[in-house]
């Protein structure tokens, strides 16, 4: 497997992306090559600093870096030699099987969309994020690619999310829930109400109806469908809440000798829960619906998270989910006479 890594993307670039490469080279044996895309002098200096040398690494120089203040479209148009643009080019040219970036999400989505194009019949790509609950993991889609969506986009999110759950999570008949402010059919804004009508008419999907916030953490459906704005707010709020709760628990544990002793005894349990809820464990999120694989990592991703984002890229390649998504969307389009 060949991975193109946007080394200049992220809050702690190039240190953390290259730190992730160091961990990936030690753990992920399926990797044939990692292209380190970015400013060559900084990459060379960081490799030397971390003591990394491998024949599996190849530096691809890119002179520009996308800033968080750049818009996604401007970043691609004005900064044609940016690390994210050059990394996506490697996938477009079939030199790499996937691109991984912790940089500007809008730039990564825009570059991937412009250069790789969507699959046949797919109107817009969507970010799929694995989320935890008390019972099982589930797929949140869209987690941030398209903040302004229409009902048909959410319908396609459901189709792509179901294909992902079926072939990656091995859920044979994945349940689909639509994020709303109530479970009743008449709840939700205009977008949700119209999307609900479309989903109810789609016999190929196991749509269970609207769901609300408290449904997500106990017995959630396999796939939760929403627009990119709501999904991104939900994702970041959930991650921040989990982090805050652990800090609260730690503060209370350290408040007395008795609770410190209890904390030591409960340490294995805390580690197990942290592993289930920590975003670093998944590392990255696939951008579904494209003629190529793009993995989006958090801007503040640690080296460990970047290693897992690279792992996510390898797993997405091996599962071969893209043709399944294309087939599912094409089947819907043919059945309902939809032309995109």
C-alpha atoms as a PDB file:
ATOM      1  CA  UNK A   1       0.000   0.000   0.000  1.00  0.00           C
ATOM      2  CA  UNK A   2       1.250   3.460  -0.894  1.00  0.00           C
ATOM      3  CA  UNK A   3       0.227   6.471   1.216  1.00  0.00           C
ATOM      4  CA  UNK A   4       0.641  10.171   0.397  1.00  0.00           C
ATOM      5  CA  UNK A   5       0.998  12.128   3.652  1.00  0.00           C
ATOM      6  CA  UNK A   6       0.417  15.880   3.824  1.00  0.00           C
ATOM      7  CA  UNK A   7       3.323  16.504   6.178  1.00  0.00           C
ATOM      8  CA  UNK A   8       2.664  20.256   6.442  1.00  0.00           C
ATOM      9  CA  UNK A   9      -0.982  19.817   7.492  1.00  0.00           C
ATOM     10  CA  UNK A  10      -2.005  20.146  11.131  1.00  0.00           C
ATOM     11  CA  UNK A  11      -1.376  22.276  14.202  1.00  0.00           C
ATOM     12  CA  UNK A  12       1.857  20.450  15.020  1.00  0.00           C
ATOM     13  CA  UNK A  13       3.304  19.912  11.557  1.00  0.00           C
ATOM     14  CA  UNK A  14       5.714  18.584  10.522  1.00  0.00           C
ATOM     15  CA  UNK A  15       6.617  17.009  13.913  1.00  0.00           C
ATOM     16  CA  UNK A  16       3.445  15.018  14.567  1.00  0.00           C
ATOM     17  CA  UNK A  17       2.816  13.771  11.005  1.00  0.00           C
ATOM     18  CA  UNK A  18       6.417  12.537  10.835  1.00  0.00           C
ATOM     19  CA  UNK A  19       6.121  11.109  14.353  1.00  0.00           C
ATOM     20  CA  UNK A  20       3.105   9.194  13.066  1.00  0.00           C
ATOM     21  CA  UNK A  21       5.191   7.900  10.170  1.00  0.00           C
ATOM     22  CA  UNK A  22       7.795   6.595  12.621  1.00  0.00           C
ATOM     23  CA  UNK A  23       5.118   4.633  14.500  1.00  0.00           C
ATOM     24  CA  UNK A  24       3.474   3.439  11.277  1.00  0.00           C
ATOM     25  CA  UNK A  25       6.733   2.074   9.875  1.00  0.00           C
ATOM     26  CA  UNK A  26       7.186   0.030  13.058  1.00  0.00           C
ATOM     27  CA  UNK A  27       3.636  -1.339  13.224  1.00  0.00           C
ATOM     28  CA  UNK A  28       2.006  -1.382   9.784  1.00  0.00           C
ATOM     29  CA  UNK A  29       3.708  -4.074   7.727  1.00  0.00           C
ATOM     30  CA  UNK A  30       1.441  -3.659   4.680  1.00  0.00           C
ATOM     31  CA  UNK A  31       2.911  -0.258   3.857  1.00  0.00           C
ATOM     32  CA  UNK A  32       5.046  -0.316   0.734  1.00  0.00           C
ATOM     33  CA  UNK A  33       5.752   3.412   0.520  1.00  0.00           C
ATOM     34  CA  UNK A  34       4.905   6.665   2.262  1.00  0.00           C
ATOM     35  CA  UNK A  35       5.279   9.853   0.256  1.00  0.00           C
ATOM     36  CA  UNK A  36       6.189  12.729   2.579  1.00  0.00           C
ATOM     37  CA  UNK A  37       4.695  15.759   0.848  1.00  0.00           C
ATOM     38  CA  UNK A  38       5.785  19.226   1.927  1.00  0.00           C
ATOM     39  CA  UNK A  39       8.755  21.551   2.248  1.00  0.00           C
ATOM     40  CA  UNK A  40      11.778  19.328   1.752  1.00  0.00           C
ATOM     41  CA  UNK A  41      14.186  21.157   4.062  1.00  0.00           C
ATOM     42  CA  UNK A  42      11.768  21.021   6.990  1.00  0.00           C
ATOM     43  CA  UNK A  43      10.956  17.369   6.331  1.00  0.00           C
ATOM     44  CA  UNK A  44      14.643  16.434   6.184  1.00  0.00           C
ATOM     45  CA  UNK A  45      15.316  18.300   9.423  1.00  0.00           C
ATOM     46  CA  UNK A  46      12.411  16.584  11.212  1.00  0.00           C
ATOM     47  CA  UNK A  47      13.426  13.130   9.971  1.00  0.00           C
ATOM     48  CA  UNK A  48      16.921  13.738  11.305  1.00  0.00           C
ATOM     49  CA  UNK A  49      15.572  15.090  14.604  1.00  0.00           C
ATOM     50  CA  UNK A  50      13.429  11.984  15.141  1.00  0.00           C
ATOM     51  CA  UNK A  51      16.063   9.580  13.866  1.00  0.00           C
ATOM     52  CA  UNK A  52      13.956   8.221  11.006  1.00  0.00           C
ATOM     53  CA  UNK A  53      15.416   6.577   7.927  1.00  0.00           C
ATOM     54  CA  UNK A  54      13.680   4.032   5.702  1.00  0.00           C
ATOM     55  CA  UNK A  55      13.715   2.988   2.038  1.00  0.00           C
ATOM     56  CA  UNK A  56       9.907   3.115   2.222  1.00  0.00           C
ATOM     57  CA  UNK A  57       9.999   6.923   2.514  1.00  0.00           C
ATOM     58  CA  UNK A  58      10.119   9.342  -0.410  1.00  0.00           C
ATOM     59  CA  UNK A  59       9.995  13.120  -0.093  1.00  0.00           C
ATOM     60  CA  UNK A  60       7.843  15.023  -2.586  1.00  0.00           C
ATOM     61  CA  UNK A  61       8.639  18.720  -2.373  1.00  0.00           C
ATOM     62  CA  UNK A  62       5.762  21.209  -2.161  1.00  0.00           C
ATOM     63  CA  UNK A  63       6.711  24.830  -1.642  1.00  0.00           C
ATOM     64  CA  UNK A  64       3.424  26.149  -0.233  1.00  0.00           C
ATOM     65  CA  UNK A  65       1.414  25.537   2.936  1.00  0.00           C
ATOM     66  CA  UNK A  66      -2.331  26.099   3.326  1.00  0.00           C
ATOM     67  CA  UNK A  67      -3.177  28.389   6.251  1.00  0.00           C
ATOM     68  CA  UNK A  68      -6.321  27.996   8.327  1.00  0.00           C
ATOM     69  CA  UNK A  69      -7.363  31.485   7.187  1.00  0.00           C
ATOM     70  CA  UNK A  70      -7.463  30.325   3.547  1.00  0.00           C
ATOM     71  CA  UNK A  71     -10.782  29.270   2.080  1.00  0.00           C
ATOM     72  CA  UNK A  72     -10.894  25.744   0.690  1.00  0.00           C
ATOM     73  CA  UNK A  73     -11.327  26.857  -2.908  1.00  0.00           C
ATOM     74  CA  UNK A  74      -8.759  29.663  -2.711  1.00  0.00           C
ATOM     75  CA  UNK A  75      -6.265  27.286  -1.125  1.00  0.00           C
ATOM     76  CA  UNK A  76      -6.482  25.015  -4.156  1.00  0.00           C
ATOM     77  CA  UNK A  77      -6.595  27.759  -6.787  1.00  0.00           C
ATOM     78  CA  UNK A  78      -3.983  30.134  -5.387  1.00  0.00           C
ATOM     79  CA  UNK A  79      -1.684  27.599  -3.786  1.00  0.00           C
ATOM     80  CA  UNK A  80      -1.280  25.051  -6.528  1.00  0.00           C
ATOM     81  CA  UNK A  81       2.015  23.865  -5.040  1.00  0.00           C
ATOM     82  CA  UNK A  82       0.609  23.307  -1.562  1.00  0.00           C
ATOM     83  CA  UNK A  83       1.319  20.076   0.276  1.00  0.00           C
ATOM     84  CA  UNK A  84      -2.332  18.990   0.218  1.00  0.00           C
ATOM     85  CA  UNK A  85      -2.677  19.634  -3.523  1.00  0.00           C
ATOM     86  CA  UNK A  86       0.508  17.720  -4.324  1.00  0.00           C
ATOM     87  CA  UNK A  87      -0.525  14.852  -2.041  1.00  0.00           C
ATOM     88  CA  UNK A  88      -3.899  14.506  -3.771  1.00  0.00           C
ATOM     89  CA  UNK A  89      -2.113  14.661  -7.148  1.00  0.00           C
ATOM     90  CA  UNK A  90      -0.231  11.497  -6.203  1.00  0.00           C
ATOM     91  CA  UNK A  91      -3.547   9.655  -5.786  1.00  0.00           C
ATOM     92  CA  UNK A  92      -4.899  11.146  -9.001  1.00  0.00           C
ATOM     93  CA  UNK A  93      -1.802   9.939 -10.838  1.00  0.00           C
ATOM     94  CA  UNK A  94      -2.167   6.451  -9.250  1.00  0.00           C
ATOM     95  CA  UNK A  95       1.235   6.727  -7.591  1.00  0.00           C
ATOM     96  CA  UNK A  96      -0.430   6.546  -4.168  1.00  0.00           C
ATOM     97  CA  UNK A  97      -3.486   4.601  -3.012  1.00  0.00           C
ATOM     98  CA  UNK A  98      -4.658   7.154  -0.438  1.00  0.00           C
ATOM     99  CA  UNK A  99      -3.913  10.608   0.926  1.00  0.00           C
ATOM    100  CA  UNK A 100      -3.828  11.467   4.648  1.00  0.00           C
ATOM    101  CA  UNK A 101      -4.020  15.032   5.960  1.00  0.00           C
ATOM    102  CA  UNK A 102      -4.498  16.726   9.330  1.00  0.00           C
ATOM    103  CA  UNK A 103      -4.535  20.126   7.676  1.00  0.00           C
ATOM    104  CA  UNK A 104      -7.276  22.493   6.554  1.00  0.00           C
ATOM    105  CA  UNK A 105     -10.370  20.275   6.140  1.00  0.00           C
ATOM    106  CA  UNK A 106     -11.929  22.569   3.544  1.00  0.00           C
ATOM    107  CA  UNK A 107      -8.758  22.488   1.461  1.00  0.00           C
ATOM    108  CA  UNK A 108      -8.472  18.705   1.722  1.00  0.00           C
ATOM    109  CA  UNK A 109     -12.117  18.233   0.716  1.00  0.00           C
ATOM    110  CA  UNK A 110     -11.915  20.785  -2.114  1.00  0.00           C
ATOM    111  CA  UNK A 111      -8.622  19.464  -3.503  1.00  0.00           C
ATOM    112  CA  UNK A 112      -9.930  15.902  -3.391  1.00  0.00           C
ATOM    113  CA  UNK A 113     -13.215  16.853  -5.024  1.00  0.00           C
ATOM    114  CA  UNK A 114     -11.614  18.898  -7.826  1.00  0.00           C
ATOM    115  CA  UNK A 115      -8.765  16.511  -8.581  1.00  0.00           C
ATOM    116  CA  UNK A 116     -10.302  13.088  -7.905  1.00  0.00           C
ATOM    117  CA  UNK A 117     -13.916  13.850  -8.813  1.00  0.00           C
ATOM    118  CA  UNK A 118     -16.951  12.117  -7.355  1.00  0.00           C
ATOM    119  CA  UNK A 119     -18.028   8.601  -8.211  1.00  0.00           C
ATOM    120  CA  UNK A 120     -20.712   8.190 -10.864  1.00  0.00           C
ATOM    121  CA  UNK A 121     -24.106   9.394  -9.577  1.00  0.00           C
ATOM    122  CA  UNK A 122     -22.595  10.878  -6.379  1.00  0.00           C
ATOM    123  CA  UNK A 123     -23.343  14.593  -6.099  1.00  0.00           C
ATOM    124  CA  UNK A 124     -21.185  15.448  -3.073  1.00  0.00           C
ATOM    125  CA  UNK A 125     -18.682  13.527  -0.956  1.00  0.00           C
ATOM    126  CA  UNK A 126     -19.191  13.184   2.795  1.00  0.00           C
ATOM    127  CA  UNK A 127     -16.958  12.529   5.802  1.00  0.00           C
ATOM    128  CA  UNK A 128     -17.740   9.358   7.752  1.00  0.00           C
ATOM    129  CA  UNK A 129     -16.690   9.290  11.401  1.00  0.00           C
ATOM    130  CA  UNK A 130     -16.671   6.254  13.688  1.00  0.00           C
ATOM    131  CA  UNK A 131     -18.378   7.079  16.976  1.00  0.00           C
ATOM    132  CA  UNK A 132     -18.580   5.128  20.269  1.00  0.00           C
ATOM    133  CA  UNK A 133     -21.579   4.219  22.406  1.00  0.00           C
ATOM    134  CA  UNK A 134     -22.414   1.943  25.352  1.00  0.00           C
ATOM    135  CA  UNK A 135     -23.267  -0.897  22.982  1.00  0.00           C
ATOM    136  CA  UNK A 136     -21.345  -0.543  19.697  1.00  0.00           C
ATOM    137  CA  UNK A 137     -19.633   1.831  17.318  1.00  0.00           C
ATOM    138  CA  UNK A 138     -21.672   3.654  14.694  1.00  0.00           C
ATOM    139  CA  UNK A 139     -21.076   5.834  11.646  1.00  0.00           C
ATOM    140  CA  UNK A 140     -21.741   9.587  11.665  1.00  0.00           C
ATOM    141  CA  UNK A 141     -22.144  10.996   8.156  1.00  0.00           C
ATOM    142  CA  UNK A 142     -21.588  13.839   7.220  1.00  0.00           C
ATOM    143  CA  UNK A 143     -19.039  14.889   9.851  1.00  0.00           C
ATOM    144  CA  UNK A 144     -18.025  18.121   8.153  1.00  0.00           C
ATOM    145  CA  UNK A 145     -17.556  18.027   4.381  1.00  0.00           C
ATOM    146  CA  UNK A 146     -20.754  19.857   3.356  1.00  0.00           C
ATOM    147  CA  UNK A 147     -22.169  22.392   5.835  1.00  0.00           C
ATOM    148  CA  UNK A 148     -24.892  23.469   3.402  1.00  0.00           C
ATOM    149  CA  UNK A 149     -26.772  20.384   2.262  1.00  0.00           C
ATOM    150  CA  UNK A 150     -30.017  19.580   0.490  1.00  0.00           C
ATOM    151  CA  UNK A 151     -32.317  16.593   1.151  1.00  0.00           C
ATOM    152  CA  UNK A 152     -30.905  14.596  -1.765  1.00  0.00           C
ATOM    153  CA  UNK A 153     -27.373  15.028  -0.385  1.00  0.00           C
ATOM    154  CA  UNK A 154     -28.485  13.581   2.961  1.00  0.00           C
ATOM    155  CA  UNK A 155     -30.153  10.698   1.156  1.00  0.00           C
ATOM    156  CA  UNK A 156     -26.878   9.950  -0.599  1.00  0.00           C
ATOM    157  CA  UNK A 157     -25.092  10.215   2.757  1.00  0.00           C
ATOM    158  CA  UNK A 158     -27.408   7.461   4.001  1.00  0.00           C
ATOM    159  CA  UNK A 159     -26.662   5.261   0.983  1.00  0.00           C
ATOM    160  CA  UNK A 160     -22.891   5.762   1.309  1.00  0.00           C
ATOM    161  CA  UNK A 161     -22.974   5.318   5.090  1.00  0.00           C
ATOM    162  CA  UNK A 162     -24.965   2.094   4.758  1.00  0.00           C
ATOM    163  CA  UNK A 163     -22.462   0.718   2.228  1.00  0.00           C
ATOM    164  CA  UNK A 164     -19.603   1.629   4.573  1.00  0.00           C
ATOM    165  CA  UNK A 165     -21.296  -0.006   7.575  1.00  0.00           C
ATOM    166  CA  UNK A 166     -22.092  -3.106   5.547  1.00  0.00           C
ATOM    167  CA  UNK A 167     -18.622  -3.716   4.156  1.00  0.00           C
ATOM    168  CA  UNK A 168     -16.354  -2.215   6.847  1.00  0.00           C
ATOM    169  CA  UNK A 169     -18.300  -2.822  10.065  1.00  0.00           C
ATOM    170  CA  UNK A 170     -19.797  -6.052   8.702  1.00  0.00           C
ATOM    171  CA  UNK A 171     -23.365  -5.043   9.553  1.00  0.00           C
ATOM    172  CA  UNK A 172     -25.432  -7.031   6.964  1.00  0.00           C
ATOM    173  CA  UNK A 173     -28.554  -4.857   7.144  1.00  0.00           C
ATOM    174  CA  UNK A 174     -27.412  -1.567   8.708  1.00  0.00           C
ATOM    175  CA  UNK A 175     -30.030   0.575  10.405  1.00  0.00           C
ATOM    176  CA  UNK A 176     -30.252   4.243   9.409  1.00  0.00           C
ATOM    177  CA  UNK A 177     -31.301   7.076  11.716  1.00  0.00           C
ATOM    178  CA  UNK A 178     -31.851  10.724  10.762  1.00  0.00           C
ATOM    179  CA  UNK A 179     -30.541  13.275  13.277  1.00  0.00           C
ATOM    180  CA  UNK A 180     -33.327  15.564  14.482  1.00  0.00           C
ATOM    181  CA  UNK A 181     -34.636  17.326  17.579  1.00  0.00           C
ATOM    182  CA  UNK A 182     -37.283  14.661  18.184  1.00  0.00           C
ATOM    183  CA  UNK A 183     -38.276  11.190  17.040  1.00  0.00           C
ATOM    184  CA  UNK A 184     -41.705  12.190  15.720  1.00  0.00           C
ATOM    185  CA  UNK A 185     -42.096  12.493  11.943  1.00  0.00           C
ATOM    186  CA  UNK A 186     -43.212  16.117  12.191  1.00  0.00           C
ATOM    187  CA  UNK A 187     -40.095  17.178  14.141  1.00  0.00           C
ATOM    188  CA  UNK A 188     -37.093  18.855  12.548  1.00  0.00           C
ATOM    189  CA  UNK A 189     -36.437  21.728  10.179  1.00  0.00           C
ATOM    190  CA  UNK A 190     -37.380  21.759   6.499  1.00  0.00           C
ATOM    191  CA  UNK A 191     -34.199  19.894   5.532  1.00  0.00           C
ATOM    192  CA  UNK A 192     -34.893  17.048   7.955  1.00  0.00           C
ATOM    193  CA  UNK A 193     -38.574  16.745   7.054  1.00  0.00           C
ATOM    194  CA  UNK A 194     -37.861  16.518   3.330  1.00  0.00           C
ATOM    195  CA  UNK A 195     -34.973  14.104   3.873  1.00  0.00           C
ATOM    196  CA  UNK A 196     -37.196  11.898   6.018  1.00  0.00           C
ATOM    197  CA  UNK A 197     -39.694  11.629   3.175  1.00  0.00           C
ATOM    198  CA  UNK A 198     -36.959  10.557   0.761  1.00  0.00           C
ATOM    199  CA  UNK A 199     -35.558   7.980   3.166  1.00  0.00           C
ATOM    200  CA  UNK A 200     -38.969   6.469   3.842  1.00  0.00           C
ATOM    201  CA  UNK A 201     -39.441   5.938   0.097  1.00  0.00           C
ATOM    202  CA  UNK A 202     -36.085   4.183  -0.309  1.00  0.00           C
ATOM    203  CA  UNK A 203     -36.772   0.480   0.180  1.00  0.00           C
ATOM    204  CA  UNK A 204     -33.095  -0.512  -0.099  1.00  0.00           C
ATOM    205  CA  UNK A 205     -32.335   1.290   3.190  1.00  0.00           C
ATOM    206  CA  UNK A 206     -33.321   0.080   6.655  1.00  0.00           C
ATOM    207  CA  UNK A 207     -34.512   3.502   7.815  1.00  0.00           C
ATOM    208  CA  UNK A 208     -35.767   3.517  11.404  1.00  0.00           C
ATOM    209  CA  UNK A 209     -36.840   7.172  11.473  1.00  0.00           C
ATOM    210  CA  UNK A 210     -35.701  10.285  13.291  1.00  0.00           C
ATOM    211  CA  UNK A 211     -33.395  10.030  16.283  1.00  0.00           C
ATOM    212  CA  UNK A 212     -32.308  12.630  18.833  1.00  0.00           C
ATOM    213  CA  UNK A 213     -29.212  13.286  20.890  1.00  0.00           C
ATOM    214  CA  UNK A 214     -29.739  10.832  23.742  1.00  0.00           C
ATOM    215  CA  UNK A 215     -30.260   7.967  21.269  1.00  0.00           C
ATOM    216  CA  UNK A 216     -26.651   8.233  20.106  1.00  0.00           C
ATOM    217  CA  UNK A 217     -24.886   6.906  23.179  1.00  0.00           C
ATOM    218  CA  UNK A 218     -27.009   3.962  24.313  1.00  0.00           C
ATOM    219  CA  UNK A 219     -28.383   1.887  21.419  1.00  0.00           C
ATOM    220  CA  UNK A 220     -27.701   3.941  18.286  1.00  0.00           C
ATOM    221  CA  UNK A 221     -28.466   2.874  14.720  1.00  0.00           C
ATOM    222  CA  UNK A 222     -25.550   1.704  12.618  1.00  0.00           C
ATOM    223  CA  UNK A 223     -25.563   4.950  10.625  1.00  0.00           C
ATOM    224  CA  UNK A 224     -26.610   8.436  11.746  1.00  0.00           C
ATOM    225  CA  UNK A 225     -27.306  10.820   8.866  1.00  0.00           C
ATOM    226  CA  UNK A 226     -27.013  14.591   9.086  1.00  0.00           C
ATOM    227  CA  UNK A 227     -25.643  17.622   7.257  1.00  0.00           C
ATOM    228  CA  UNK A 228     -21.975  18.548   7.559  1.00  0.00           C
ATOM    229  CA  UNK A 229     -22.591  21.548   9.820  1.00  0.00           C
ATOM    230  CA  UNK A 230     -24.620  19.637  12.402  1.00  0.00           C
ATOM    231  CA  UNK A 231     -22.371  16.592  12.128  1.00  0.00           C
ATOM    232  CA  UNK A 232     -19.186  18.566  12.730  1.00  0.00           C
ATOM    233  CA  UNK A 233     -20.676  20.350  15.744  1.00  0.00           C
ATOM    234  CA  UNK A 234     -21.850  16.980  17.125  1.00  0.00           C
ATOM    235  CA  UNK A 235     -18.451  15.365  16.541  1.00  0.00           C
ATOM    236  CA  UNK A 236     -16.413  18.116  18.191  1.00  0.00           C
ATOM    237  CA  UNK A 237     -18.857  18.491  21.087  1.00  0.00           C
ATOM    238  CA  UNK A 238     -18.780  14.756  21.803  1.00  0.00           C
ATOM    239  CA  UNK A 239     -14.976  14.642  21.722  1.00  0.00           C
ATOM    240  CA  UNK A 240     -14.654  17.711  23.923  1.00  0.00           C
ATOM    241  CA  UNK A 241     -17.225  16.380  26.422  1.00  0.00           C
ATOM    242  CA  UNK A 242     -15.430  13.039  26.719  1.00  0.00           C
ATOM    243  CA  UNK A 243     -12.154  14.881  27.332  1.00  0.00           C
ATOM    244  CA  UNK A 244     -13.757  17.168  29.925  1.00  0.00           C
ATOM    245  CA  UNK A 245     -15.368  14.264  31.795  1.00  0.00           C
ATOM    246  CA  UNK A 246     -12.006  12.502  32.104  1.00  0.00           C
ATOM    247  CA  UNK A 247     -10.464  15.714  33.461  1.00  0.00           C
ATOM    248  CA  UNK A 248     -13.316  16.055  35.979  1.00  0.00           C
ATOM    249  CA  UNK A 249     -12.864  12.468  37.134  1.00  0.00           C
ATOM    250  CA  UNK A 250      -9.099  12.942  37.449  1.00  0.00           C
ATOM    251  CA  UNK A 251      -9.605  16.123  39.469  1.00  0.00           C
ATOM    252  CA  UNK A 252     -11.917  14.335  41.904  1.00  0.00           C
ATOM    253  CA  UNK A 253      -9.588  11.342  42.172  1.00  0.00           C
ATOM    254  CA  UNK A 254      -6.697  13.613  43.127  1.00  0.00           C
ATOM    255  CA  UNK A 255      -8.772  15.415  45.758  1.00  0.00           C
ATOM    256  CA  UNK A 256      -8.026  13.030  48.644  1.00  0.00           C
ATOM    257  CA  UNK A 257      -5.846  10.085  49.656  1.00  0.00           C
ATOM    258  CA  UNK A 258      -8.815   7.714  49.666  1.00  0.00           C
ATOM    259  CA  UNK A 259      -9.912   8.632  46.148  1.00  0.00           C
ATOM    260  CA  UNK A 260      -6.302   8.414  44.937  1.00  0.00           C
ATOM    261  CA  UNK A 261      -6.143   4.813  46.147  1.00  0.00           C
ATOM    262  CA  UNK A 262      -9.467   4.095  44.425  1.00  0.00           C
ATOM    263  CA  UNK A 263      -8.149   5.716  41.263  1.00  0.00           C
ATOM    264  CA  UNK A 264      -5.100   3.445  41.248  1.00  0.00           C
ATOM    265  CA  UNK A 265      -7.339   0.391  41.580  1.00  0.00           C
ATOM    266  CA  UNK A 266      -9.639   1.643  38.813  1.00  0.00           C
ATOM    267  CA  UNK A 267      -6.819   2.673  36.443  1.00  0.00           C
ATOM    268  CA  UNK A 268      -7.285  -0.296  34.044  1.00  0.00           C
ATOM    269  CA  UNK A 269     -10.981   0.560  33.686  1.00  0.00           C
ATOM    270  CA  UNK A 270     -10.207   4.218  32.970  1.00  0.00           C
ATOM    271  CA  UNK A 271      -7.673   3.188  30.316  1.00  0.00           C
ATOM    272  CA  UNK A 272     -10.227   0.888  28.671  1.00  0.00           C
ATOM    273  CA  UNK A 273     -12.854   3.634  28.512  1.00  0.00           C
ATOM    274  CA  UNK A 274     -10.315   6.146  27.226  1.00  0.00           C
ATOM    275  CA  UNK A 275      -9.388   3.748  24.423  1.00  0.00           C
ATOM    276  CA  UNK A 276     -13.067   3.492  23.434  1.00  0.00           C
ATOM    277  CA  UNK A 277     -13.740   7.244  23.451  1.00  0.00           C
ATOM    278  CA  UNK A 278     -10.434   8.870  22.460  1.00  0.00           C
ATOM    279  CA  UNK A 279     -10.493  10.265  18.903  1.00  0.00           C
ATOM    280  CA  UNK A 280      -6.788   9.435  18.586  1.00  0.00           C
ATOM    281  CA  UNK A 281      -7.711   5.750  18.387  1.00  0.00           C
ATOM    282  CA  UNK A 282      -9.456   6.096  15.022  1.00  0.00           C
ATOM    283  CA  UNK A 283      -7.003   8.746  13.888  1.00  0.00           C
ATOM    284  CA  UNK A 284      -8.823   9.828  10.762  1.00  0.00           C
ATOM    285  CA  UNK A 285     -12.104   9.853   8.881  1.00  0.00           C
ATOM    286  CA  UNK A 286     -12.616   8.715   5.272  1.00  0.00           C
ATOM    287  CA  UNK A 287     -14.080  11.132   2.738  1.00  0.00           C
ATOM    288  CA  UNK A 288     -16.589   8.909   0.940  1.00  0.00           C
ATOM    289  CA  UNK A 289     -17.924   9.249  -2.593  1.00  0.00           C
ATOM    290  CA  UNK A 290     -14.711  10.027  -4.505  1.00  0.00           C
ATOM    291  CA  UNK A 291     -12.623   8.286  -7.145  1.00  0.00           C
ATOM    292  CA  UNK A 292      -9.871   7.870  -4.602  1.00  0.00           C
ATOM    293  CA  UNK A 293      -9.280   7.657  -0.866  1.00  0.00           C
ATOM    294  CA  UNK A 294      -8.791  10.717   1.326  1.00  0.00           C
ATOM    295  CA  UNK A 295      -8.441  10.420   5.104  1.00  0.00           C
ATOM    296  CA  UNK A 296      -9.128  13.528   7.187  1.00  0.00           C
ATOM    297  CA  UNK A 297      -7.376  13.748  10.570  1.00  0.00           C
ATOM    298  CA  UNK A 298      -7.911  16.322  13.314  1.00  0.00           C
ATOM    299  CA  UNK A 299      -5.766  19.438  13.163  1.00  0.00           C
ATOM    300  CA  UNK A 300      -4.422  18.789  16.650  1.00  0.00           C
ATOM    301  CA  UNK A 301      -3.696  15.121  15.959  1.00  0.00           C
ATOM    302  CA  UNK A 302      -0.852  13.615  17.988  1.00  0.00           C
ATOM    303  CA  UNK A 303       1.811  11.393  16.447  1.00  0.00           C
ATOM    304  CA  UNK A 304      -0.179   8.399  17.718  1.00  0.00           C
ATOM    305  CA  UNK A 305      -3.325   9.736  16.030  1.00  0.00           C
ATOM    306  CA  UNK A 306      -1.429  10.297  12.773  1.00  0.00           C
ATOM    307  CA  UNK A 307      -0.215   6.693  12.898  1.00  0.00           C
ATOM    308  CA  UNK A 308      -3.817   5.585  13.273  1.00  0.00           C
ATOM    309  CA  UNK A 309      -4.897   7.862  10.415  1.00  0.00           C
ATOM    310  CA  UNK A 310      -2.352   6.082   8.235  1.00  0.00           C
ATOM    311  CA  UNK A 311      -3.737   2.780   9.526  1.00  0.00           C
ATOM    312  CA  UNK A 312      -7.242   3.958   8.643  1.00  0.00           C
ATOM    313  CA  UNK A 313      -6.029   4.660   5.111  1.00  0.00           C
ATOM    314  CA  UNK A 314      -4.616   1.141   4.833  1.00  0.00           C
ATOM    315  CA  UNK A 315      -7.839  -0.410   6.145  1.00  0.00           C
ATOM    316  CA  UNK A 316      -9.977   1.653   3.773  1.00  0.00           C
ATOM    317  CA  UNK A 317      -7.831   0.489   0.861  1.00  0.00           C
ATOM    318  CA  UNK A 318      -8.038  -3.173   1.921  1.00  0.00           C
ATOM    319  CA  UNK A 319     -11.816  -3.134   2.456  1.00  0.00           C
ATOM    320  CA  UNK A 320     -12.354  -1.844  -1.093  1.00  0.00           C
ATOM    321  CA  UNK A 321     -15.489   0.023  -0.038  1.00  0.00           C
ATOM    322  CA  UNK A 322     -15.438   2.540  -2.923  1.00  0.00           C
ATOM    323  CA  UNK A 323     -16.900   0.217  -5.601  1.00  0.00           C
ATOM    324  CA  UNK A 324     -19.610  -0.882  -3.160  1.00  0.00           C
ATOM    325  CA  UNK A 325     -20.595   2.746  -2.615  1.00  0.00           C
ATOM    326  CA  UNK A 326     -20.620   3.369  -6.360  1.00  0.00           C
ATOM    327  CA  UNK A 327     -22.822   0.310  -6.961  1.00  0.00           C
ATOM    328  CA  UNK A 328     -25.285   1.279  -4.201  1.00  0.00           C
ATOM    329  CA  UNK A 329     -25.678   4.860  -5.445  1.00  0.00           C
ATOM    330  CA  UNK A 330     -25.966   3.682  -9.061  1.00  0.00           C
ATOM    331  CA  UNK A 331     -28.693   1.206  -8.086  1.00  0.00           C
ATOM    332  CA  UNK A 332     -30.712   3.947  -6.396  1.00  0.00           C
ATOM    333  CA  UNK A 333     -30.262   6.276  -9.378  1.00  0.00           C
ATOM    334  CA  UNK A 334     -31.395   3.607 -11.831  1.00  0.00           C
ATOM    335  CA  UNK A 335     -34.390   2.589  -9.711  1.00  0.00           C
ATOM    336  CA  UNK A 336     -35.562   6.158  -9.148  1.00  0.00           C
ATOM    337  CA  UNK A 337     -34.477   7.541 -12.521  1.00  0.00           C
ATOM    338  CA  UNK A 338     -32.099  10.071 -10.985  1.00  0.00           C
ATOM    339  CA  UNK A 339     -29.393  11.701 -13.123  1.00  0.00           C
ATOM    340  CA  UNK A 340     -26.476  13.464 -11.389  1.00  0.00           C
END
